[in-house]
Amino acid sequence: MGLTKTENFTEKQNDIAKLLKALGHPARIAIIEHLLKMKTCVCGDLVSELPLAQATVSQHLKELKNVGIIKGTVEGNAVCYCLDENAFDYLKGYFSNILADVKCQQSNCC
């Protein structure tokens, strides 16, 4: 990430950017929505739900797992995935603060 000069930004700014970047693909949103509905899921189940190849689904799962949006546990020769509540709590806190500030500025908006 040398060209983005991430070292010039706070750790929190970099963390939020990584989470949002991971969420910035419709397939990953579909994965999250499926996990919300099913609570847990094996990669093969997602492959049958999404119009993507198994390798592509695995890559999206890897990205979501790398930033902590999902977690996975090995069950036999499969990995069972679920959402990580901590990542969503972190994003909720961040956006709640932004929303509170935006609401306060509405009367003084340009």
PDB file of N, CA and C in Angstrom:
ATOM      1  N   MET A   1       0.814  -1.190   0.000  1.00  0.00           N
ATOM      2  CA  MET A   1       0.000   0.000   0.000  1.00  0.00           C
ATOM      3  C   MET A   1       0.860   1.258   0.000  1.00  0.00           C
ATOM      4  N   GLY A   2       2.058   1.180  -0.540  1.00  0.00           N
ATOM      5  CA  GLY A   2       2.965   2.305  -0.522  1.00  0.00           C
ATOM      6  C   GLY A   2       2.432   3.550  -1.218  1.00  0.00           C
ATOM      7  N   LEU A   3       1.738   3.396  -2.339  1.00  0.00           N
ATOM      8  CA  LEU A   3       1.262   4.548  -3.090  1.00  0.00           C
ATOM      9  C   LEU A   3       0.136   5.302  -2.385  1.00  0.00           C
ATOM     10  N   THR A   4      -0.588   4.649  -1.501  1.00  0.00           N
ATOM     11  CA  THR A   4      -1.699   5.320  -0.817  1.00  0.00           C
ATOM     12  C   THR A   4      -1.235   6.093   0.408  1.00  0.00           C
ATOM     13  N   LYS A   5       0.037   5.906   0.782  1.00  0.00           N
ATOM     14  CA  LYS A   5       0.620   6.606   1.934  1.00  0.00           C
ATOM     15  C   LYS A   5      -0.200   6.386   3.199  1.00  0.00           C
ATOM     16  N   THR A   6      -0.570   5.140   3.459  1.00  0.00           N
ATOM     17  CA  THR A   6      -1.384   4.819   4.623  1.00  0.00           C
ATOM     18  C   THR A   6      -0.712   5.222   5.928  1.00  0.00           C
ATOM     19  N   GLU A   7       0.598   5.305   5.932  1.00  0.00           N
ATOM     20  CA  GLU A   7       1.308   5.698   7.157  1.00  0.00           C
ATOM     21  C   GLU A   7       1.001   7.139   7.564  1.00  0.00           C
ATOM     22  N   ASN A   8       0.442   7.930   6.662  1.00  0.00           N
ATOM     23  CA  ASN A   8       0.085   9.319   6.971  1.00  0.00           C
ATOM     24  C   ASN A   8      -1.280   9.453   7.635  1.00  0.00           C
ATOM     25  N   PHE A   9      -1.966   8.327   7.841  1.00  0.00           N
ATOM     26  CA  PHE A   9      -3.298   8.349   8.412  1.00  0.00           C
ATOM     27  C   PHE A   9      -3.298   7.579   9.722  1.00  0.00           C
ATOM     28  N   THR A  10      -4.303   7.843  10.546  1.00  0.00           N
ATOM     29  CA  THR A  10      -4.361   7.177  11.843  1.00  0.00           C
ATOM     30  C   THR A  10      -4.664   5.692  11.670  1.00  0.00           C
ATOM     31  N   GLU A  11      -4.391   4.947  12.710  1.00  0.00           N
ATOM     32  CA  GLU A  11      -4.693   3.517  12.697  1.00  0.00           C
ATOM     33  C   GLU A  11      -6.191   3.299  12.503  1.00  0.00           C
ATOM     34  N   LYS A  12      -7.001   4.118  13.168  1.00  0.00           N
ATOM     35  CA  LYS A  12      -8.456   3.995  13.035  1.00  0.00           C
ATOM     36  C   LYS A  12      -8.896   4.271  11.598  1.00  0.00           C
ATOM     37  N   GLN A  13      -8.342   5.303  10.970  1.00  0.00           N
ATOM     38  CA  GLN A  13      -8.693   5.608   9.586  1.00  0.00           C
ATOM     39  C   GLN A  13      -8.322   4.454   8.659  1.00  0.00           C
ATOM     40  N   ASN A  14      -7.171   3.861   8.878  1.00  0.00           N
ATOM     41  CA  ASN A  14      -6.757   2.716   8.069  1.00  0.00           C
ATOM     42  C   ASN A  14      -7.640   1.501   8.326  1.00  0.00           C
ATOM     43  N   ASP A  15      -8.015   1.278   9.592  1.00  0.00           N
ATOM     44  CA  ASP A  15      -8.879   0.142   9.917  1.00  0.00           C
ATOM     45  C   ASP A  15     -10.243   0.276   9.264  1.00  0.00           C
ATOM     46  N   ILE A  16     -10.829   1.462   9.367  1.00  0.00           N
ATOM     47  CA  ILE A  16     -12.144   1.690   8.752  1.00  0.00           C
ATOM     48  C   ILE A  16     -12.052   1.518   7.240  1.00  0.00           C
ATOM     49  N   ALA A  17     -11.001   2.048   6.636  1.00  0.00           N
ATOM     50  CA  ALA A  17     -10.829   1.934   5.185  1.00  0.00           C
ATOM     51  C   ALA A  17     -10.709   0.474   4.754  1.00  0.00           C
ATOM     52  N   LYS A  18      -9.991  -0.346   5.518  1.00  0.00           N
ATOM     53  CA  LYS A  18      -9.851  -1.763   5.184  1.00  0.00           C
ATOM     54  C   LYS A  18     -11.198  -2.487   5.266  1.00  0.00           C
ATOM     55  N   LEU A  19     -11.952  -2.185   6.328  1.00  0.00           N
ATOM     56  CA  LEU A  19     -13.267  -2.809   6.466  1.00  0.00           C
ATOM     57  C   LEU A  19     -14.191  -2.413   5.318  1.00  0.00           C
ATOM     58  N   LEU A  20     -14.211  -1.116   5.007  1.00  0.00           N
ATOM     59  CA  LEU A  20     -15.102  -0.653   3.942  1.00  0.00           C
ATOM     60  C   LEU A  20     -14.669  -1.158   2.569  1.00  0.00           C
ATOM     61  N   LYS A  21     -13.367  -1.267   2.365  1.00  0.00           N
ATOM     62  CA  LYS A  21     -12.879  -1.812   1.096  1.00  0.00           C
ATOM     63  C   LYS A  21     -13.333  -3.269   0.936  1.00  0.00           C
ATOM     64  N   ALA A  22     -13.258  -4.015   2.026  1.00  0.00           N
ATOM     65  CA  ALA A  22     -13.697  -5.414   1.979  1.00  0.00           C
ATOM     66  C   ALA A  22     -15.198  -5.519   1.715  1.00  0.00           C
ATOM     67  N   LEU A  23     -15.951  -4.528   2.186  1.00  0.00           N
ATOM     68  CA  LEU A  23     -17.401  -4.530   1.967  1.00  0.00           C
ATOM     69  C   LEU A  23     -17.787  -3.959   0.604  1.00  0.00           C
ATOM     70  N   GLY A  24     -16.817  -3.450  -0.133  1.00  0.00           N
ATOM     71  CA  GLY A  24     -17.089  -2.742  -1.378  1.00  0.00           C
ATOM     72  C   GLY A  24     -17.278  -3.618  -2.598  1.00  0.00           C
ATOM     73  N   HIS A  25     -17.776  -4.818  -2.431  1.00  0.00           N
ATOM     74  CA  HIS A  25     -18.037  -5.690  -3.574  1.00  0.00           C
ATOM     75  C   HIS A  25     -19.394  -6.367  -3.358  1.00  0.00           C
ATOM     76  N   PRO A  26     -20.254  -6.377  -4.361  1.00  0.00           N
ATOM     77  CA  PRO A  26     -21.591  -6.954  -4.176  1.00  0.00           C
ATOM     78  C   PRO A  26     -21.576  -8.433  -3.789  1.00  0.00           C
ATOM     79  N   ALA A  27     -20.583  -9.182  -4.225  1.00  0.00           N
ATOM     80  CA  ALA A  27     -20.516 -10.602  -3.842  1.00  0.00           C
ATOM     81  C   ALA A  27     -20.284 -10.733  -2.341  1.00  0.00           C
ATOM     82  N   ARG A  28     -19.493  -9.847  -1.782  1.00  0.00           N
ATOM     83  CA  ARG A  28     -19.217  -9.902  -0.340  1.00  0.00           C
ATOM     84  C   ARG A  28     -20.440  -9.477   0.457  1.00  0.00           C
ATOM     85  N   ILE A  29     -21.199  -8.533  -0.074  1.00  0.00           N
ATOM     86  CA  ILE A  29     -22.453  -8.156   0.577  1.00  0.00           C
ATOM     87  C   ILE A  29     -23.416  -9.340   0.531  1.00  0.00           C
ATOM     88  N   ALA A  30     -23.466 -10.042  -0.587  1.00  0.00           N
ATOM     89  CA  ALA A  30     -24.324 -11.227  -0.716  1.00  0.00           C
ATOM     90  C   ALA A  30     -23.893 -12.311   0.280  1.00  0.00           C
ATOM     91  N   ILE A  31     -22.603 -12.476   0.469  1.00  0.00           N
ATOM     92  CA  ILE A  31     -22.093 -13.450   1.437  1.00  0.00           C
ATOM     93  C   ILE A  31     -22.551 -13.069   2.842  1.00  0.00           C
ATOM     94  N   ILE A  32     -22.402 -11.803   3.189  1.00  0.00           N
ATOM     95  CA  ILE A  32     -22.821 -11.336   4.514  1.00  0.00           C
ATOM     96  C   ILE A  32     -24.319 -11.553   4.709  1.00  0.00           C
ATOM     97  N   GLU A  33     -25.104 -11.206   3.706  1.00  0.00           N
ATOM     98  CA  GLU A  33     -26.553 -11.389   3.808  1.00  0.00           C
ATOM     99  C   GLU A  33     -26.919 -12.865   3.966  1.00  0.00           C
ATOM    100  N   HIS A  34     -26.205 -13.730   3.262  1.00  0.00           N
ATOM    101  CA  HIS A  34     -26.467 -15.171   3.376  1.00  0.00           C
ATOM    102  C   HIS A  34     -26.095 -15.654   4.778  1.00  0.00           C
ATOM    103  N   LEU A  35     -24.966 -15.189   5.298  1.00  0.00           N
ATOM    104  CA  LEU A  35     -24.557 -15.585   6.646  1.00  0.00           C
ATOM    105  C   LEU A  35     -25.533 -15.056   7.695  1.00  0.00           C
ATOM    106  N   LEU A  36     -26.091 -13.886   7.480  1.00  0.00           N
ATOM    107  CA  LEU A  36     -27.103 -13.359   8.398  1.00  0.00           C
ATOM    108  C   LEU A  36     -28.333 -14.264   8.432  1.00  0.00           C
ATOM    109  N   LYS A  37     -28.707 -14.733   7.264  1.00  0.00           N
ATOM    110  CA  LYS A  37     -29.897 -15.575   7.140  1.00  0.00           C
ATOM    111  C   LYS A  37     -29.645 -16.972   7.717  1.00  0.00           C
ATOM    112  N   MET A  38     -28.465 -17.524   7.451  1.00  0.00           N
ATOM    113  CA  MET A  38     -28.190 -18.912   7.821  1.00  0.00           C
ATOM    114  C   MET A  38     -27.429 -19.055   9.144  1.00  0.00           C
ATOM    115  N   LYS A  39     -26.922 -17.983   9.689  1.00  0.00           N
ATOM    116  CA  LYS A  39     -26.113 -17.951  10.926  1.00  0.00           C
ATOM    117  C   LYS A  39     -24.704 -18.481  10.699  1.00  0.00           C
ATOM    118  N   THR A  40     -24.549 -19.648  10.120  1.00  0.00           N
ATOM    119  CA  THR A  40     -23.231 -20.173   9.760  1.00  0.00           C
ATOM    120  C   THR A  40     -23.344 -20.812   8.384  1.00  0.00           C
ATOM    121  N   CYS A  41     -22.202 -21.018   7.759  1.00  0.00           N
ATOM    122  CA  CYS A  41     -22.250 -21.531   6.396  1.00  0.00           C
ATOM    123  C   CYS A  41     -20.910 -22.143   6.016  1.00  0.00           C
ATOM    124  N   VAL A  42     -20.949 -23.149   5.196  1.00  0.00           N
ATOM    125  CA  VAL A  42     -19.755 -23.760   4.623  1.00  0.00           C
ATOM    126  C   VAL A  42     -19.583 -23.188   3.222  1.00  0.00           C
ATOM    127  N   CYS A  43     -18.355 -23.041   2.788  1.00  0.00           N
ATOM    128  CA  CYS A  43     -18.059 -22.443   1.482  1.00  0.00           C
ATOM    129  C   CYS A  43     -18.891 -23.075   0.369  1.00  0.00           C
ATOM    130  N   GLY A  44     -19.043 -24.386   0.381  1.00  0.00           N
ATOM    131  CA  GLY A  44     -19.811 -25.064  -0.664  1.00  0.00           C
ATOM    132  C   GLY A  44     -21.253 -24.601  -0.724  1.00  0.00           C
ATOM    133  N   ASP A  45     -21.829 -24.272   0.443  1.00  0.00           N
ATOM    134  CA  ASP A  45     -23.200 -23.753   0.470  1.00  0.00           C
ATOM    135  C   ASP A  45     -23.276 -22.406  -0.236  1.00  0.00           C
ATOM    136  N   LEU A  46     -22.262 -21.593  -0.027  1.00  0.00           N
ATOM    137  CA  LEU A  46     -22.234 -20.275  -0.668  1.00  0.00           C
ATOM    138  C   LEU A  46     -22.080 -20.394  -2.172  1.00  0.00           C
ATOM    139  N   VAL A  47     -21.297 -21.362  -2.612  1.00  0.00           N
ATOM    140  CA  VAL A  47     -21.092 -21.564  -4.048  1.00  0.00           C
ATOM    141  C   VAL A  47     -22.417 -21.877  -4.727  1.00  0.00           C
ATOM    142  N   SER A  48     -23.266 -22.642  -4.053  1.00  0.00           N
ATOM    143  CA  SER A  48     -24.559 -22.969  -4.661  1.00  0.00           C
ATOM    144  C   SER A  48     -25.523 -21.775  -4.614  1.00  0.00           C
ATOM    145  N   GLU A  49     -25.273 -20.809  -3.742  1.00  0.00           N
ATOM    146  CA  GLU A  49     -26.132 -19.628  -3.621  1.00  0.00           C
ATOM    147  C   GLU A  49     -25.719 -18.475  -4.542  1.00  0.00           C
ATOM    148  N   LEU A  50     -24.448 -18.387  -4.851  1.00  0.00           N
ATOM    149  CA  LEU A  50     -23.923 -17.259  -5.623  1.00  0.00           C
ATOM    150  C   LEU A  50     -23.595 -17.669  -7.052  1.00  0.00           C
ATOM    151  N   PRO A  51     -23.697 -16.737  -7.983  1.00  0.00           N
ATOM    152  CA  PRO A  51     -23.376 -17.052  -9.382  1.00  0.00           C
ATOM    153  C   PRO A  51     -21.874 -16.929  -9.656  1.00  0.00           C
ATOM    154  N   LEU A  52     -21.076 -17.535  -8.772  1.00  0.00           N
ATOM    155  CA  LEU A  52     -19.624 -17.423  -8.875  1.00  0.00           C
ATOM    156  C   LEU A  52     -18.978 -18.794  -8.746  1.00  0.00           C
ATOM    157  N   ALA A  53     -17.787 -18.912  -9.293  1.00  0.00           N
ATOM    158  CA  ALA A  53     -17.025 -20.148  -9.171  1.00  0.00           C
ATOM    159  C   ALA A  53     -16.555 -20.332  -7.728  1.00  0.00           C
ATOM    160  N   GLN A  54     -16.285 -21.580  -7.364  1.00  0.00           N
ATOM    161  CA  GLN A  54     -15.842 -21.895  -6.002  1.00  0.00           C
ATOM    162  C   GLN A  54     -14.587 -21.124  -5.628  1.00  0.00           C
ATOM    163  N   ALA A  55     -13.641 -21.017  -6.544  1.00  0.00           N
ATOM    164  CA  ALA A  55     -12.393 -20.300  -6.258  1.00  0.00           C
ATOM    165  C   ALA A  55     -12.658 -18.818  -5.991  1.00  0.00           C
ATOM    166  N   THR A  56     -13.601 -18.236  -6.713  1.00  0.00           N
ATOM    167  CA  THR A  56     -13.947 -16.818  -6.523  1.00  0.00           C
ATOM    168  C   THR A  56     -14.613 -16.604  -5.169  1.00  0.00           C
ATOM    169  N   VAL A  57     -15.530 -17.494  -4.806  1.00  0.00           N
ATOM    170  CA  VAL A  57     -16.184 -17.412  -3.502  1.00  0.00           C
ATOM    171  C   VAL A  57     -15.139 -17.540  -2.395  1.00  0.00           C
ATOM    172  N   SER A  58     -14.216 -18.466  -2.556  1.00  0.00           N
ATOM    173  CA  SER A  58     -13.150 -18.648  -1.564  1.00  0.00           C
ATOM    174  C   SER A  58     -12.305 -17.389  -1.419  1.00  0.00           C
ATOM    175  N   GLN A  59     -12.016 -16.729  -2.515  1.00  0.00           N
ATOM    176  CA  GLN A  59     -11.230 -15.493  -2.473  1.00  0.00           C
ATOM    177  C   GLN A  59     -11.992 -14.392  -1.726  1.00  0.00           C
ATOM    178  N   HIS A  60     -13.282 -14.271  -1.977  1.00  0.00           N
ATOM    179  CA  HIS A  60     -14.091 -13.280  -1.266  1.00  0.00           C
ATOM    180  C   HIS A  60     -14.157 -13.598   0.227  1.00  0.00           C
ATOM    181  N   LEU A  61     -14.292 -14.870   0.567  1.00  0.00           N
ATOM    182  CA  LEU A  61     -14.298 -15.280   1.976  1.00  0.00           C
ATOM    183  C   LEU A  61     -12.967 -14.941   2.641  1.00  0.00           C
ATOM    184  N   LYS A  62     -11.890 -15.168   1.913  1.00  0.00           N
ATOM    185  CA  LYS A  62     -10.557 -14.863   2.448  1.00  0.00           C
ATOM    186  C   LYS A  62     -10.425 -13.373   2.752  1.00  0.00           C
ATOM    187  N   GLU A  63     -10.898 -12.531   1.841  1.00  0.00           N
ATOM    188  CA  GLU A  63     -10.825 -11.077   2.061  1.00  0.00           C
ATOM    189  C   GLU A  63     -11.644 -10.659   3.275  1.00  0.00           C
ATOM    190  N   LEU A  64     -12.855 -11.198   3.394  1.00  0.00           N
ATOM    191  CA  LEU A  64     -13.706 -10.869   4.538  1.00  0.00           C
ATOM    192  C   LEU A  64     -13.092 -11.366   5.843  1.00  0.00           C
ATOM    193  N   LYS A  65     -12.465 -12.523   5.797  1.00  0.00           N
ATOM    194  CA  LYS A  65     -11.830 -13.079   6.995  1.00  0.00           C
ATOM    195  C   LYS A  65     -10.578 -12.290   7.367  1.00  0.00           C
ATOM    196  N   ASN A  66      -9.807 -11.875   6.382  1.00  0.00           N
ATOM    197  CA  ASN A  66      -8.563 -11.138   6.654  1.00  0.00           C
ATOM    198  C   ASN A  66      -8.796  -9.836   7.415  1.00  0.00           C
ATOM    199  N   VAL A  67      -9.925  -9.187   7.158  1.00  0.00           N
ATOM    200  CA  VAL A  67     -10.207  -7.919   7.854  1.00  0.00           C
ATOM    201  C   VAL A  67     -11.075  -8.124   9.092  1.00  0.00           C
ATOM    202  N   GLY A  68     -11.461  -9.357   9.366  1.00  0.00           N
ATOM    203  CA  GLY A  68     -12.198  -9.648  10.586  1.00  0.00           C
ATOM    204  C   GLY A  68     -13.704  -9.513  10.502  1.00  0.00           C
ATOM    205  N   ILE A  69     -14.251  -9.465   9.302  1.00  0.00           N
ATOM    206  CA  ILE A  69     -15.702  -9.362   9.147  1.00  0.00           C
ATOM    207  C   ILE A  69     -16.366 -10.720   9.378  1.00  0.00           C
ATOM    208  N   ILE A  70     -15.669 -11.784   9.005  1.00  0.00           N
ATOM    209  CA  ILE A  70     -16.160 -13.134   9.272  1.00  0.00           C
ATOM    210  C   ILE A  70     -15.066 -13.912   9.987  1.00  0.00           C
ATOM    211  N   LYS A  71     -15.485 -15.005  10.603  1.00  0.00           N
ATOM    212  CA  LYS A  71     -14.535 -15.943  11.191  1.00  0.00           C
ATOM    213  C   LYS A  71     -14.852 -17.325  10.652  1.00  0.00           C
ATOM    214  N   GLY A  72     -13.879 -18.182  10.696  1.00  0.00           N
ATOM    215  CA  GLY A  72     -14.084 -19.528  10.192  1.00  0.00           C
ATOM    216  C   GLY A  72     -13.489 -20.563  11.118  1.00  0.00           C
ATOM    217  N   THR A  73     -14.202 -21.668  11.285  1.00  0.00           N
ATOM    218  CA  THR A  73     -13.690 -22.778  12.072  1.00  0.00           C
ATOM    219  C   THR A  73     -13.696 -24.032  11.208  1.00  0.00           C
ATOM    220  N   VAL A  74     -12.674 -24.839  11.383  1.00  0.00           N
ATOM    221  CA  VAL A  74     -12.545 -26.062  10.600  1.00  0.00           C
ATOM    222  C   VAL A  74     -13.445 -27.137  11.218  1.00  0.00           C
ATOM    223  N   GLU A  75     -14.274 -27.711  10.371  1.00  0.00           N
ATOM    224  CA  GLU A  75     -15.140 -28.816  10.768  1.00  0.00           C
ATOM    225  C   GLU A  75     -14.917 -29.950   9.784  1.00  0.00           C
ATOM    226  N   GLY A  76     -14.104 -30.908  10.181  1.00  0.00           N
ATOM    227  CA  GLY A  76     -13.730 -31.992   9.275  1.00  0.00           C
ATOM    228  C   GLY A  76     -12.854 -31.445   8.170  1.00  0.00           C
ATOM    229  N   ASN A  77     -13.269 -31.626   6.920  1.00  0.00           N
ATOM    230  CA  ASN A  77     -12.488 -31.092   5.802  1.00  0.00           C
ATOM    231  C   ASN A  77     -13.142 -29.848   5.203  1.00  0.00           C
ATOM    232  N   ALA A  78     -14.035 -29.205   5.968  1.00  0.00           N
ATOM    233  CA  ALA A  78     -14.701 -27.984   5.515  1.00  0.00           C
ATOM    234  C   ALA A  78     -14.487 -26.875   6.539  1.00  0.00           C
ATOM    235  N   VAL A  79     -14.648 -25.648   6.090  1.00  0.00           N
ATOM    236  CA  VAL A  79     -14.564 -24.499   6.979  1.00  0.00           C
ATOM    237  C   VAL A  79     -15.964 -23.911   7.110  1.00  0.00           C
ATOM    238  N   CYS A  80     -16.397 -23.744   8.353  1.00  0.00           N
ATOM    239  CA  CYS A  80     -17.710 -23.167   8.629  1.00  0.00           C
ATOM    240  C   CYS A  80     -17.502 -21.689   8.973  1.00  0.00           C
ATOM    241  N   TYR A  81     -18.192 -20.816   8.253  1.00  0.00           N
ATOM    242  CA  TYR A  81     -18.023 -19.365   8.428  1.00  0.00           C
ATOM    243  C   TYR A  81     -19.211 -18.755   9.150  1.00  0.00           C
ATOM    244  N   CYS A  82     -18.932 -17.694   9.910  1.00  0.00           N
ATOM    245  CA  CYS A  82     -19.984 -16.902  10.532  1.00  0.00           C
ATOM    246  C   CYS A  82     -19.492 -15.457  10.623  1.00  0.00           C
ATOM    247  N   LEU A  83     -20.418 -14.545  10.866  1.00  0.00           N
ATOM    248  CA  LEU A  83     -20.074 -13.135  10.981  1.00  0.00           C
ATOM    249  C   LEU A  83     -19.382 -12.868  12.307  1.00  0.00           C
ATOM    250  N   ASP A  84     -18.454 -11.924  12.308  1.00  0.00           N
ATOM    251  CA  ASP A  84     -17.771 -11.517  13.533  1.00  0.00           C
ATOM    252  C   ASP A  84     -18.426 -10.236  14.038  1.00  0.00           C
ATOM    253  N   GLU A  85     -19.124 -10.342  15.124  1.00  0.00           N
ATOM    254  CA  GLU A  85     -19.882  -9.230  15.700  1.00  0.00           C
ATOM    255  C   GLU A  85     -19.002  -8.013  15.992  1.00  0.00           C
ATOM    256  N   ASN A  86     -17.747  -8.238  16.359  1.00  0.00           N
ATOM    257  CA  ASN A  86     -16.847  -7.132  16.720  1.00  0.00           C
ATOM    258  C   ASN A  86     -16.637  -6.151  15.568  1.00  0.00           C
ATOM    259  N   ALA A  87     -16.510  -6.662  14.365  1.00  0.00           N
ATOM    260  CA  ALA A  87     -16.289  -5.783  13.210  1.00  0.00           C
ATOM    261  C   ALA A  87     -17.497  -4.882  12.989  1.00  0.00           C
ATOM    262  N   PHE A  88     -18.682  -5.432  13.155  1.00  0.00           N
ATOM    263  CA  PHE A  88     -19.899  -4.650  12.936  1.00  0.00           C
ATOM    264  C   PHE A  88     -20.133  -3.657  14.072  1.00  0.00           C
ATOM    265  N   ASP A  89     -19.753  -4.022  15.283  1.00  0.00           N
ATOM    266  CA  ASP A  89     -19.832  -3.072  16.400  1.00  0.00           C
ATOM    267  C   ASP A  89     -18.902  -1.887  16.157  1.00  0.00           C
ATOM    268  N   TYR A  90     -17.715  -2.180  15.640  1.00  0.00           N
ATOM    269  CA  TYR A  90     -16.734  -1.134  15.343  1.00  0.00           C
ATOM    270  C   TYR A  90     -17.272  -0.171  14.283  1.00  0.00           C
ATOM    271  N   LEU A  91     -17.832  -0.724  13.211  1.00  0.00           N
ATOM    272  CA  LEU A  91     -18.411   0.106  12.148  1.00  0.00           C
ATOM    273  C   LEU A  91     -19.636   0.873  12.650  1.00  0.00           C
ATOM    274  N   LYS A  92     -20.441   0.238  13.463  1.00  0.00           N
ATOM    275  CA  LYS A  92     -21.626   0.899  14.009  1.00  0.00           C
ATOM    276  C   LYS A  92     -21.216   2.117  14.841  1.00  0.00           C
ATOM    277  N   GLY A  93     -20.200   1.960  15.677  1.00  0.00           N
ATOM    278  CA  GLY A  93     -19.713   3.080  16.478  1.00  0.00           C
ATOM    279  C   GLY A  93     -19.191   4.209  15.609  1.00  0.00           C
ATOM    280  N   TYR A  94     -18.445   3.859  14.578  1.00  0.00           N
ATOM    281  CA  TYR A  94     -17.885   4.864  13.681  1.00  0.00           C
ATOM    282  C   TYR A  94     -18.996   5.643  12.973  1.00  0.00           C
ATOM    283  N   PHE A  95     -19.952   4.927  12.391  1.00  0.00           N
ATOM    284  CA  PHE A  95     -21.012   5.601  11.647  1.00  0.00           C
ATOM    285  C   PHE A  95     -22.013   6.299  12.564  1.00  0.00           C
ATOM    286  N   SER A  96     -22.193   5.802  13.769  1.00  0.00           N
ATOM    287  CA  SER A  96     -23.057   6.500  14.734  1.00  0.00           C
ATOM    288  C   SER A  96     -22.493   7.870  15.067  1.00  0.00           C
ATOM    289  N   ASN A  97     -21.177   7.936  15.241  1.00  0.00           N
ATOM    290  CA  ASN A  97     -20.533   9.224  15.516  1.00  0.00           C
ATOM    291  C   ASN A  97     -20.674  10.179  14.333  1.00  0.00           C
ATOM    292  N   ILE A  98     -20.493   9.675  13.142  1.00  0.00           N
ATOM    293  CA  ILE A  98     -20.635  10.509  11.949  1.00  0.00           C
ATOM    294  C   ILE A  98     -22.076  11.011  11.841  1.00  0.00           C
ATOM    295  N   LEU A  99     -23.033  10.113  12.023  1.00  0.00           N
ATOM    296  CA  LEU A  99     -24.436  10.498  11.906  1.00  0.00           C
ATOM    297  C   LEU A  99     -24.807  11.559  12.944  1.00  0.00           C
ATOM    298  N   ALA A 100     -24.318  11.410  14.153  1.00  0.00           N
ATOM    299  CA  ALA A 100     -24.600  12.408  15.192  1.00  0.00           C
ATOM    300  C   ALA A 100     -24.037  13.770  14.796  1.00  0.00           C
ATOM    301  N   ASP A 101     -22.822  13.785  14.255  1.00  0.00           N
ATOM    302  CA  ASP A 101     -22.210  15.048  13.821  1.00  0.00           C
ATOM    303  C   ASP A 101     -22.945  15.660  12.636  1.00  0.00           C
ATOM    304  N   VAL A 102     -23.368  14.828  11.707  1.00  0.00           N
ATOM    305  CA  VAL A 102     -24.096  15.314  10.524  1.00  0.00           C
ATOM    306  C   VAL A 102     -25.421  15.947  10.953  1.00  0.00           C
ATOM    307  N   LYS A 103     -26.119  15.290  11.864  1.00  0.00           N
ATOM    308  CA  LYS A 103     -27.398  15.813  12.353  1.00  0.00           C
ATOM    309  C   LYS A 103     -27.219  17.167  13.031  1.00  0.00           C
ATOM    310  N   CYS A 104     -26.117  17.311  13.773  1.00  0.00           N
ATOM    311  CA  CYS A 104     -25.845  18.579  14.454  1.00  0.00           C
ATOM    312  C   CYS A 104     -25.544  19.703  13.450  1.00  0.00           C
ATOM    313  N   GLN A 105     -24.985  19.348  12.311  1.00  0.00           N
ATOM    314  CA  GLN A 105     -24.591  20.360  11.324  1.00  0.00           C
ATOM    315  C   GLN A 105     -25.703  20.701  10.347  1.00  0.00           C
ATOM    316  N   GLN A 106     -26.799  19.981  10.347  1.00  0.00           N
ATOM    317  CA  GLN A 106     -27.852  20.182   9.351  1.00  0.00           C
ATOM    318  C   GLN A 106     -28.376  21.619   9.310  1.00  0.00           C
ATOM    319  N   SER A 107     -28.522  22.245  10.451  1.00  0.00           N
ATOM    320  CA  SER A 107     -29.054  23.618  10.448  1.00  0.00           C
ATOM    321  C   SER A 107     -28.050  24.631   9.913  1.00  0.00           C
ATOM    322  N   ASN A 108     -26.789  24.271   9.931  1.00  0.00           N
ATOM    323  CA  ASN A 108     -25.737  25.162   9.434  1.00  0.00           C
ATOM    324  C   ASN A 108     -25.178  24.720   8.095  1.00  0.00           C
ATOM    325  N   CYS A 109     -25.880  23.862   7.407  1.00  0.00           N
ATOM    326  CA  CYS A 109     -25.379  23.289   6.161  1.00  0.00           C
ATOM    327  C   CYS A 109     -25.397  24.328   5.029  1.00  0.00           C
ATOM    328  N   CYS A 110     -24.483  24.178   4.094  1.00  0.00           N
ATOM    329  CA  CYS A 110     -24.392  25.090   2.962  1.00  0.00           C
ATOM    330  C   CYS A 110     -25.547  24.977   2.005  1.00  0.00           C
TER     331      CYS A 110
END
